[in-house]
PDB file of all heavy atoms in Angstrom:
ATOM      1  N   GLY A   1       0.781  -1.231   0.000  1.00  0.00           N
ATOM      2  CA  GLY A   1       0.000   0.000   0.000  1.00  0.00           C
ATOM      3  C   GLY A   1       0.809   1.277   0.000  1.00  0.00           C
ATOM      4  O   GLY A   1       0.288   2.342   0.340  1.00  0.00           O
ATOM      5  N   LYS A   2       2.077   1.193  -0.390  1.00  0.00           N
ATOM      6  CA  LYS A   2       2.905   2.402  -0.415  1.00  0.00           C
ATOM      7  C   LYS A   2       2.675   3.245  -1.664  1.00  0.00           C
ATOM      8  O   LYS A   2       3.152   4.375  -1.749  1.00  0.00           O
ATOM      9  CB  LYS A   2       4.383   2.018  -0.291  1.00  0.00           C
ATOM     10  CG  LYS A   2       4.722   1.398   1.062  1.00  0.00           C
ATOM     11  CD  LYS A   2       6.206   1.122   1.202  1.00  0.00           C
ATOM     12  CE  LYS A   2       6.524   0.553   2.581  1.00  0.00           C
ATOM     13  NZ  LYS A   2       7.976   0.296   2.754  1.00  0.00           N
ATOM     14  N   VAL A   3       1.969   2.685  -2.621  1.00  0.00           N
ATOM     15  CA  VAL A   3       1.566   3.420  -3.819  1.00  0.00           C
ATOM     16  C   VAL A   3       0.044   3.382  -3.888  1.00  0.00           C
ATOM     17  O   VAL A   3      -0.562   2.308  -3.840  1.00  0.00           O
ATOM     18  CB  VAL A   3       2.161   2.792  -5.097  1.00  0.00           C
ATOM     19  CG1 VAL A   3       1.684   3.547  -6.334  1.00  0.00           C
ATOM     20  CG2 VAL A   3       3.672   2.781  -5.033  1.00  0.00           C
ATOM     21  N   ARG A   4      -0.583   4.543  -3.962  1.00  0.00           N
ATOM     22  CA  ARG A   4      -2.038   4.605  -4.074  1.00  0.00           C
ATOM     23  C   ARG A   4      -2.434   4.415  -5.535  1.00  0.00           C
ATOM     24  O   ARG A   4      -1.980   5.156  -6.394  1.00  0.00           O
ATOM     25  CB  ARG A   4      -2.568   5.949  -3.581  1.00  0.00           C
ATOM     26  CG  ARG A   4      -2.394   6.169  -2.100  1.00  0.00           C
ATOM     27  CD  ARG A   4      -3.093   7.421  -1.635  1.00  0.00           C
ATOM     28  NE  ARG A   4      -2.452   8.639  -2.138  1.00  0.00           N
ATOM     29  CZ  ARG A   4      -2.968   9.451  -3.045  1.00  0.00           C
ATOM     30  NH1 ARG A   4      -4.143   9.179  -3.587  1.00  0.00           N
ATOM     31  NH2 ARG A   4      -2.330  10.528  -3.438  1.00  0.00           N
ATOM     32  N   MET A   5      -3.274   3.427  -5.800  1.00  0.00           N
ATOM     33  CA  MET A   5      -3.708   3.197  -7.166  1.00  0.00           C
ATOM     34  C   MET A   5      -5.141   3.642  -7.373  1.00  0.00           C
ATOM     35  O   MET A   5      -6.022   3.360  -6.548  1.00  0.00           O
ATOM     36  CB  MET A   5      -3.607   1.717  -7.540  1.00  0.00           C
ATOM     37  CG  MET A   5      -3.957   1.472  -9.003  1.00  0.00           C
ATOM     38  SD  MET A   5      -4.039  -0.269  -9.467  1.00  0.00           S
ATOM     39  CE  MET A   5      -5.637  -0.710  -8.789  1.00  0.00           C
ATOM     40  N   GLY A   6      -5.369   4.334  -8.482  1.00  0.00           N
ATOM     41  CA  GLY A   6      -6.711   4.694  -8.899  1.00  0.00           C
ATOM     42  C   GLY A   6      -6.936   4.255 -10.332  1.00  0.00           C
ATOM     43  O   GLY A   6      -6.063   4.432 -11.185  1.00  0.00           O
ATOM     44  N   VAL A   7      -8.066   3.646 -10.582  1.00  0.00           N
ATOM     45  CA  VAL A   7      -8.424   3.212 -11.929  1.00  0.00           C
ATOM     46  C   VAL A   7      -9.264   4.286 -12.604  1.00  0.00           C
ATOM     47  O   VAL A   7     -10.111   4.928 -11.971  1.00  0.00           O
ATOM     48  CB  VAL A   7      -9.200   1.876 -11.878  1.00  0.00           C
ATOM     49  CG1 VAL A   7      -9.796   1.525 -13.232  1.00  0.00           C
ATOM     50  CG2 VAL A   7      -8.286   0.766 -11.405  1.00  0.00           C
ATOM     51  N   ILE A   8      -9.011   4.487 -13.892  1.00  0.00           N
ATOM     52  CA  ILE A   8      -9.798   5.429 -14.688  1.00  0.00           C
ATOM     53  C   ILE A   8     -10.522   4.638 -15.766  1.00  0.00           C
ATOM     54  O   ILE A   8      -9.885   4.013 -16.625  1.00  0.00           O
ATOM     55  CB  ILE A   8      -8.897   6.502 -15.326  1.00  0.00           C
ATOM     56  CG1 ILE A   8      -8.196   7.300 -14.227  1.00  0.00           C
ATOM     57  CG2 ILE A   8      -9.706   7.418 -16.240  1.00  0.00           C
ATOM     58  CD1 ILE A   8      -7.115   8.220 -14.742  1.00  0.00           C
ATOM     59  N   ALA A   9     -11.840   4.642 -15.710  1.00  0.00           N
ATOM     60  CA  ALA A   9     -12.638   4.040 -16.774  1.00  0.00           C
ATOM     61  C   ALA A   9     -12.608   5.014 -17.947  1.00  0.00           C
ATOM     62  O   ALA A   9     -13.102   6.136 -17.835  1.00  0.00           O
ATOM     63  CB  ALA A   9     -14.065   3.793 -16.296  1.00  0.00           C
ATOM     64  N   ASN A  10     -12.020   4.595 -19.050  1.00  0.00           N
ATOM     65  CA  ASN A  10     -11.723   5.526 -20.144  1.00  0.00           C
ATOM     66  C   ASN A  10     -12.552   5.226 -21.395  1.00  0.00           C
ATOM     67  O   ASN A  10     -12.846   4.075 -21.691  1.00  0.00           O
ATOM     68  CB  ASN A  10     -10.229   5.452 -20.486  1.00  0.00           C
ATOM     69  CG  ASN A  10      -9.789   6.605 -21.356  1.00  0.00           C
ATOM     70  OD1 ASN A  10     -10.307   7.720 -21.249  1.00  0.00           O
ATOM     71  ND2 ASN A  10      -8.835   6.361 -22.229  1.00  0.00           N
ATOM     72  N   ARG A  11     -12.903   6.302 -22.107  1.00  0.00           N
ATOM     73  CA  ARG A  11     -13.684   6.224 -23.348  1.00  0.00           C
ATOM     74  C   ARG A  11     -14.990   5.467 -23.131  1.00  0.00           C
ATOM     75  O   ARG A  11     -15.378   4.584 -23.908  1.00  0.00           O
ATOM     76  CB  ARG A  11     -12.871   5.568 -24.470  1.00  0.00           C
ATOM     77  CG  ARG A  11     -11.634   6.342 -24.867  1.00  0.00           C
ATOM     78  CD  ARG A  11     -11.036   5.816 -26.152  1.00  0.00           C
ATOM     79  NE  ARG A  11     -10.671   4.430 -26.045  1.00  0.00           N
ATOM     80  CZ  ARG A  11      -9.480   4.002 -25.614  1.00  0.00           C
ATOM     81  NH1 ARG A  11      -8.550   4.875 -25.247  1.00  0.00           N
ATOM     82  NH2 ARG A  11      -9.227   2.713 -25.550  1.00  0.00           N
ATOM     83  N   VAL A  12     -15.702   5.839 -22.095  1.00  0.00           N
ATOM     84  CA  VAL A  12     -16.919   5.132 -21.703  1.00  0.00           C
ATOM     85  C   VAL A  12     -18.146   5.769 -22.338  1.00  0.00           C
ATOM     86  O   VAL A  12     -18.314   6.989 -22.308  1.00  0.00           O
ATOM     87  CB  VAL A  12     -17.072   5.135 -20.161  1.00  0.00           C
ATOM     88  CG1 VAL A  12     -18.423   4.555 -19.753  1.00  0.00           C
ATOM     89  CG2 VAL A  12     -15.947   4.346 -19.522  1.00  0.00           C
ATOM     90  N   ASN A  13     -18.982   4.938 -22.904  1.00  0.00           N
ATOM     91  CA  ASN A  13     -20.328   5.325 -23.313  1.00  0.00           C
ATOM     92  C   ASN A  13     -21.273   4.410 -22.558  1.00  0.00           C
ATOM     93  O   ASN A  13     -21.395   3.226 -22.879  1.00  0.00           O
ATOM     94  CB  ASN A  13     -20.508   5.180 -24.825  1.00  0.00           C
ATOM     95  CG  ASN A  13     -21.873   5.672 -25.299  1.00  0.00           C
ATOM     96  OD1 ASN A  13     -22.835   5.703 -24.523  1.00  0.00           O
ATOM     97  ND2 ASN A  13     -21.963   6.050 -26.565  1.00  0.00           N
ATOM     98  N   ALA A  14     -21.917   4.954 -21.540  1.00  0.00           N
ATOM     99  CA  ALA A  14     -22.723   4.139 -20.629  1.00  0.00           C
ATOM    100  C   ALA A  14     -23.894   3.467 -21.331  1.00  0.00           C
ATOM    101  O   ALA A  14     -24.460   2.493 -20.813  1.00  0.00           O
ATOM    102  CB  ALA A  14     -23.230   4.993 -19.470  1.00  0.00           C
ATOM    103  N   ARG A  15     -24.255   3.954 -22.513  1.00  0.00           N
ATOM    104  CA  ARG A  15     -25.407   3.384 -23.226  1.00  0.00           C
ATOM    105  C   ARG A  15     -25.023   2.176 -24.072  1.00  0.00           C
ATOM    106  O   ARG A  15     -25.882   1.508 -24.628  1.00  0.00           O
ATOM    107  CB  ARG A  15     -26.050   4.446 -24.116  1.00  0.00           C
ATOM    108  CG  ARG A  15     -26.692   5.590 -23.324  1.00  0.00           C
ATOM    109  CD  ARG A  15     -27.164   6.684 -24.234  1.00  0.00           C
ATOM    110  NE  ARG A  15     -26.040   7.345 -24.903  1.00  0.00           N
ATOM    111  CZ  ARG A  15     -26.179   8.359 -25.745  1.00  0.00           C
ATOM    112  NH1 ARG A  15     -27.382   8.818 -26.042  1.00  0.00           N
ATOM    113  NH2 ARG A  15     -25.107   8.905 -26.300  1.00  0.00           N
ATOM    114  N   THR A  16     -23.731   1.904 -24.185  1.00  0.00           N
ATOM    115  CA  THR A  16     -23.286   0.761 -24.989  1.00  0.00           C
ATOM    116  C   THR A  16     -23.005  -0.441 -24.103  1.00  0.00           C
ATOM    117  O   THR A  16     -22.735  -0.309 -22.905  1.00  0.00           O
ATOM    118  CB  THR A  16     -22.013   1.110 -25.776  1.00  0.00           C
ATOM    119  OG1 THR A  16     -20.935   1.335 -24.855  1.00  0.00           O
ATOM    120  CG2 THR A  16     -22.227   2.367 -26.633  1.00  0.00           C
ATOM    121  N   LYS A  17     -23.016  -1.624 -24.727  1.00  0.00           N
ATOM    122  CA  LYS A  17     -22.725  -2.836 -23.972  1.00  0.00           C
ATOM    123  C   LYS A  17     -21.283  -2.836 -23.473  1.00  0.00           C
ATOM    124  O   LYS A  17     -20.987  -3.330 -22.383  1.00  0.00           O
ATOM    125  CB  LYS A  17     -22.986  -4.063 -24.840  1.00  0.00           C
ATOM    126  CG  LYS A  17     -24.466  -4.312 -25.108  1.00  0.00           C
ATOM    127  CD  LYS A  17     -24.675  -5.580 -25.913  1.00  0.00           C
ATOM    128  CE  LYS A  17     -26.164  -5.836 -26.137  1.00  0.00           C
ATOM    129  NZ  LYS A  17     -26.395  -7.067 -26.940  1.00  0.00           N
ATOM    130  N   GLY A  18     -20.356  -2.265 -24.291  1.00  0.00           N
ATOM    131  CA  GLY A  18     -18.965  -2.193 -23.868  1.00  0.00           C
ATOM    132  C   GLY A  18     -18.797  -1.379 -22.600  1.00  0.00           C
ATOM    133  O   GLY A  18     -18.072  -1.771 -21.674  1.00  0.00           O
ATOM    134  N   GLY A  19     -19.443  -0.221 -22.533  1.00  0.00           N
ATOM    135  CA  GLY A  19     -19.375   0.614 -21.337  1.00  0.00           C
ATOM    136  C   GLY A  19     -19.953  -0.077 -20.124  1.00  0.00           C
ATOM    137  O   GLY A  19     -19.417   0.014 -19.011  1.00  0.00           O
ATOM    138  N   GLN A  20     -21.057  -0.798 -20.334  1.00  0.00           N
ATOM    139  CA  GLN A  20     -21.680  -1.521 -19.225  1.00  0.00           C
ATOM    140  C   GLN A  20     -20.805  -2.674 -18.745  1.00  0.00           C
ATOM    141  O   GLN A  20     -20.683  -2.914 -17.545  1.00  0.00           O
ATOM    142  CB  GLN A  20     -23.057  -2.022 -19.666  1.00  0.00           C
ATOM    143  CG  GLN A  20     -24.050  -0.905 -19.944  1.00  0.00           C
ATOM    144  CD  GLN A  20     -25.259  -1.366 -20.733  1.00  0.00           C
ATOM    145  OE1 GLN A  20     -25.454  -2.564 -20.962  1.00  0.00           O
ATOM    146  NE2 GLN A  20     -26.082  -0.412 -21.163  1.00  0.00           N
ATOM    147  N   ARG A  21     -20.164  -3.369 -19.706  1.00  0.00           N
ATOM    148  CA  ARG A  21     -19.267  -4.475 -19.319  1.00  0.00           C
ATOM    149  C   ARG A  21     -18.070  -3.957 -18.534  1.00  0.00           C
ATOM    150  O   ARG A  21     -17.616  -4.606 -17.587  1.00  0.00           O
ATOM    151  CB  ARG A  21     -18.793  -5.225 -20.565  1.00  0.00           C
ATOM    152  CG  ARG A  21     -19.812  -6.174 -21.159  1.00  0.00           C
ATOM    153  CD  ARG A  21     -19.147  -7.163 -22.116  1.00  0.00           C
ATOM    154  NE  ARG A  21     -18.493  -6.471 -23.211  1.00  0.00           N
ATOM    155  CZ  ARG A  21     -19.073  -6.208 -24.382  1.00  0.00           C
ATOM    156  NH1 ARG A  21     -20.334  -6.559 -24.586  1.00  0.00           N
ATOM    157  NH2 ARG A  21     -18.414  -5.597 -25.341  1.00  0.00           N
ATOM    158  N   LEU A  22     -17.559  -2.801 -18.918  1.00  0.00           N
ATOM    159  CA  LEU A  22     -16.417  -2.235 -18.198  1.00  0.00           C
ATOM    160  C   LEU A  22     -16.796  -1.913 -16.757  1.00  0.00           C
ATOM    161  O   LEU A  22     -16.034  -2.201 -15.829  1.00  0.00           O
ATOM    162  CB  LEU A  22     -15.904  -0.979 -18.906  1.00  0.00           C
ATOM    163  CG  LEU A  22     -14.743  -0.250 -18.227  1.00  0.00           C
ATOM    164  CD1 LEU A  22     -13.541  -1.172 -18.066  1.00  0.00           C
ATOM    165  CD2 LEU A  22     -14.357   1.002 -19.010  1.00  0.00           C
ATOM    166  N   GLN A  23     -17.958  -1.320 -16.564  1.00  0.00           N
ATOM    167  CA  GLN A  23     -18.389  -0.992 -15.206  1.00  0.00           C
ATOM    168  C   GLN A  23     -18.540  -2.257 -14.362  1.00  0.00           C
ATOM    169  O   GLN A  23     -18.152  -2.290 -13.189  1.00  0.00           O
ATOM    170  CB  GLN A  23     -19.717  -0.213 -15.245  1.00  0.00           C
ATOM    171  CG  GLN A  23     -19.653   1.130 -15.963  1.00  0.00           C
ATOM    172  CD  GLN A  23     -18.803   2.160 -15.220  1.00  0.00           C
ATOM    173  OE1 GLN A  23     -18.347   1.922 -14.105  1.00  0.00           O
ATOM    174  NE2 GLN A  23     -18.596   3.309 -15.838  1.00  0.00           N
ATOM    175  N   LEU A  24     -19.075  -3.315 -14.944  1.00  0.00           N
ATOM    176  CA  LEU A  24     -19.211  -4.585 -14.221  1.00  0.00           C
ATOM    177  C   LEU A  24     -17.848  -5.199 -13.911  1.00  0.00           C
ATOM    178  O   LEU A  24     -17.626  -5.726 -12.821  1.00  0.00           O
ATOM    179  CB  LEU A  24     -20.051  -5.567 -15.045  1.00  0.00           C
ATOM    180  CG  LEU A  24     -21.552  -5.281 -15.121  1.00  0.00           C
ATOM    181  CD1 LEU A  24     -22.221  -6.228 -16.108  1.00  0.00           C
ATOM    182  CD2 LEU A  24     -22.188  -5.407 -13.745  1.00  0.00           C
ATOM    183  N   PHE A  25     -16.939  -5.107 -14.883  1.00  0.00           N
ATOM    184  CA  PHE A  25     -15.580  -5.630 -14.708  1.00  0.00           C
ATOM    185  C   PHE A  25     -14.892  -4.965 -13.516  1.00  0.00           C
ATOM    186  O   PHE A  25     -14.315  -5.638 -12.653  1.00  0.00           O
ATOM    187  CB  PHE A  25     -14.798  -5.385 -15.995  1.00  0.00           C
ATOM    188  CG  PHE A  25     -13.320  -5.653 -15.905  1.00  0.00           C
ATOM    189  CD1 PHE A  25     -12.824  -6.943 -15.948  1.00  0.00           C
ATOM    190  CD2 PHE A  25     -12.413  -4.605 -15.799  1.00  0.00           C
ATOM    191  CE1 PHE A  25     -11.459  -7.193 -15.877  1.00  0.00           C
ATOM    192  CE2 PHE A  25     -11.046  -4.843 -15.729  1.00  0.00           C
ATOM    193  CZ  PHE A  25     -10.573  -6.143 -15.764  1.00  0.00           C
ATOM    194  N   LEU A  26     -14.958  -3.645 -13.458  1.00  0.00           N
ATOM    195  CA  LEU A  26     -14.310  -2.907 -12.374  1.00  0.00           C
ATOM    196  C   LEU A  26     -14.999  -3.163 -11.044  1.00  0.00           C
ATOM    197  O   LEU A  26     -14.348  -3.268 -10.000  1.00  0.00           O
ATOM    198  CB  LEU A  26     -14.308  -1.411 -12.702  1.00  0.00           C
ATOM    199  CG  LEU A  26     -13.515  -1.021 -13.956  1.00  0.00           C
ATOM    200  CD1 LEU A  26     -13.680   0.467 -14.247  1.00  0.00           C
ATOM    201  CD2 LEU A  26     -12.049  -1.370 -13.817  1.00  0.00           C
ATOM    202  N   SER A  27     -16.310  -3.284 -11.081  1.00  0.00           N
ATOM    203  CA  SER A  27     -17.055  -3.555  -9.850  1.00  0.00           C
ATOM    204  C   SER A  27     -16.703  -4.931  -9.287  1.00  0.00           C
ATOM    205  O   SER A  27     -16.509  -5.091  -8.077  1.00  0.00           O
ATOM    206  CB  SER A  27     -18.560  -3.465 -10.130  1.00  0.00           C
ATOM    207  OG  SER A  27     -19.302  -3.799  -8.980  1.00  0.00           O
ATOM    208  N   ASP A  28     -16.586  -5.912 -10.161  1.00  0.00           N
ATOM    209  CA  ASP A  28     -16.265  -7.271  -9.713  1.00  0.00           C
ATOM    210  C   ASP A  28     -14.870  -7.357  -9.099  1.00  0.00           C
ATOM    211  O   ASP A  28     -14.629  -8.167  -8.200  1.00  0.00           O
ATOM    212  CB  ASP A  28     -16.356  -8.251 -10.887  1.00  0.00           C
ATOM    213  CG  ASP A  28     -17.795  -8.507 -11.326  1.00  0.00           C
ATOM    214  OD1 ASP A  28     -18.711  -8.164 -10.548  1.00  0.00           O
ATOM    215  OD2 ASP A  28     -17.993  -9.019 -12.440  1.00  0.00           O
ATOM    216  N   LEU A  29     -13.947  -6.522  -9.593  1.00  0.00           N
ATOM    217  CA  LEU A  29     -12.580  -6.537  -9.074  1.00  0.00           C
ATOM    218  C   LEU A  29     -12.414  -5.654  -7.836  1.00  0.00           C
ATOM    219  O   LEU A  29     -11.347  -5.629  -7.237  1.00  0.00           O
ATOM    220  CB  LEU A  29     -11.600  -6.074 -10.163  1.00  0.00           C
ATOM    221  CG  LEU A  29     -11.435  -7.006 -11.354  1.00  0.00           C
ATOM    222  CD1 LEU A  29     -10.434  -6.416 -12.343  1.00  0.00           C
ATOM    223  CD2 LEU A  29     -10.976  -8.390 -10.921  1.00  0.00           C
ATOM    224  N   HIS A  30     -13.472  -4.941  -7.474  1.00  0.00           N
ATOM    225  CA  HIS A  30     -13.447  -4.046  -6.309  1.00  0.00           C
ATOM    226  C   HIS A  30     -12.300  -3.031  -6.402  1.00  0.00           C
ATOM    227  O   HIS A  30     -11.561  -2.803  -5.429  1.00  0.00           O
ATOM    228  CB  HIS A  30     -13.331  -4.846  -5.005  1.00  0.00           C
ATOM    229  CG  HIS A  30     -14.403  -5.888  -4.857  1.00  0.00           C
ATOM    230  ND1 HIS A  30     -15.722  -5.566  -4.612  1.00  0.00           N
ATOM    231  CD2 HIS A  30     -14.356  -7.245  -4.968  1.00  0.00           C
ATOM    232  CE1 HIS A  30     -16.442  -6.680  -4.538  1.00  0.00           C
ATOM    233  NE2 HIS A  30     -15.637  -7.705  -4.762  1.00  0.00           N
ATOM    234  N   LEU A  31     -12.147  -2.442  -7.569  1.00  0.00           N
ATOM    235  CA  LEU A  31     -11.085  -1.473  -7.780  1.00  0.00           C
ATOM    236  C   LEU A  31     -11.578  -0.052  -7.502  1.00  0.00           C
ATOM    237  O   LEU A  31     -12.739   0.264  -7.743  1.00  0.00           O
ATOM    238  CB  LEU A  31     -10.584  -1.559  -9.229  1.00  0.00           C
ATOM    239  CG  LEU A  31      -9.935  -2.882  -9.626  1.00  0.00           C
ATOM    240  CD1 LEU A  31      -9.637  -2.894 -11.111  1.00  0.00           C
ATOM    241  CD2 LEU A  31      -8.667  -3.102  -8.827  1.00  0.00           C
ATOM    242  N   PRO A  32     -10.699   0.809  -6.990  1.00  0.00           N
ATOM    243  CA  PRO A  32     -11.077   2.203  -6.725  1.00  0.00           C
ATOM    244  C   PRO A  32     -11.141   2.992  -8.033  1.00  0.00           C
ATOM    245  O   PRO A  32     -10.117   3.357  -8.600  1.00  0.00           O
ATOM    246  CB  PRO A  32      -9.957   2.718  -5.818  1.00  0.00           C
ATOM    247  CG  PRO A  32      -8.767   1.870  -6.182  1.00  0.00           C
ATOM    248  CD  PRO A  32      -9.312   0.524  -6.576  1.00  0.00           C
ATOM    249  N   VAL A  33     -12.340   3.230  -8.534  1.00  0.00           N
ATOM    250  CA  VAL A  33     -12.517   3.992  -9.771  1.00  0.00           C
ATOM    251  C   VAL A  33     -12.556   5.471  -9.408  1.00  0.00           C
ATOM    252  O   VAL A  33     -13.479   5.934  -8.747  1.00  0.00           O
ATOM    253  CB  VAL A  33     -13.812   3.583 -10.500  1.00  0.00           C
ATOM    254  CG1 VAL A  33     -13.966   4.372 -11.793  1.00  0.00           C
ATOM    255  CG2 VAL A  33     -13.802   2.089 -10.787  1.00  0.00           C
TER     256      VAL A  33
END
């Protein structure tokens, strides 16, 4: 934990399946978005 990591969801279009899959992917990994 000596380096703070933040994830950036990039090029997201929430209305597309790709954008929705990315949000689920990050949620499942419990990453700090």
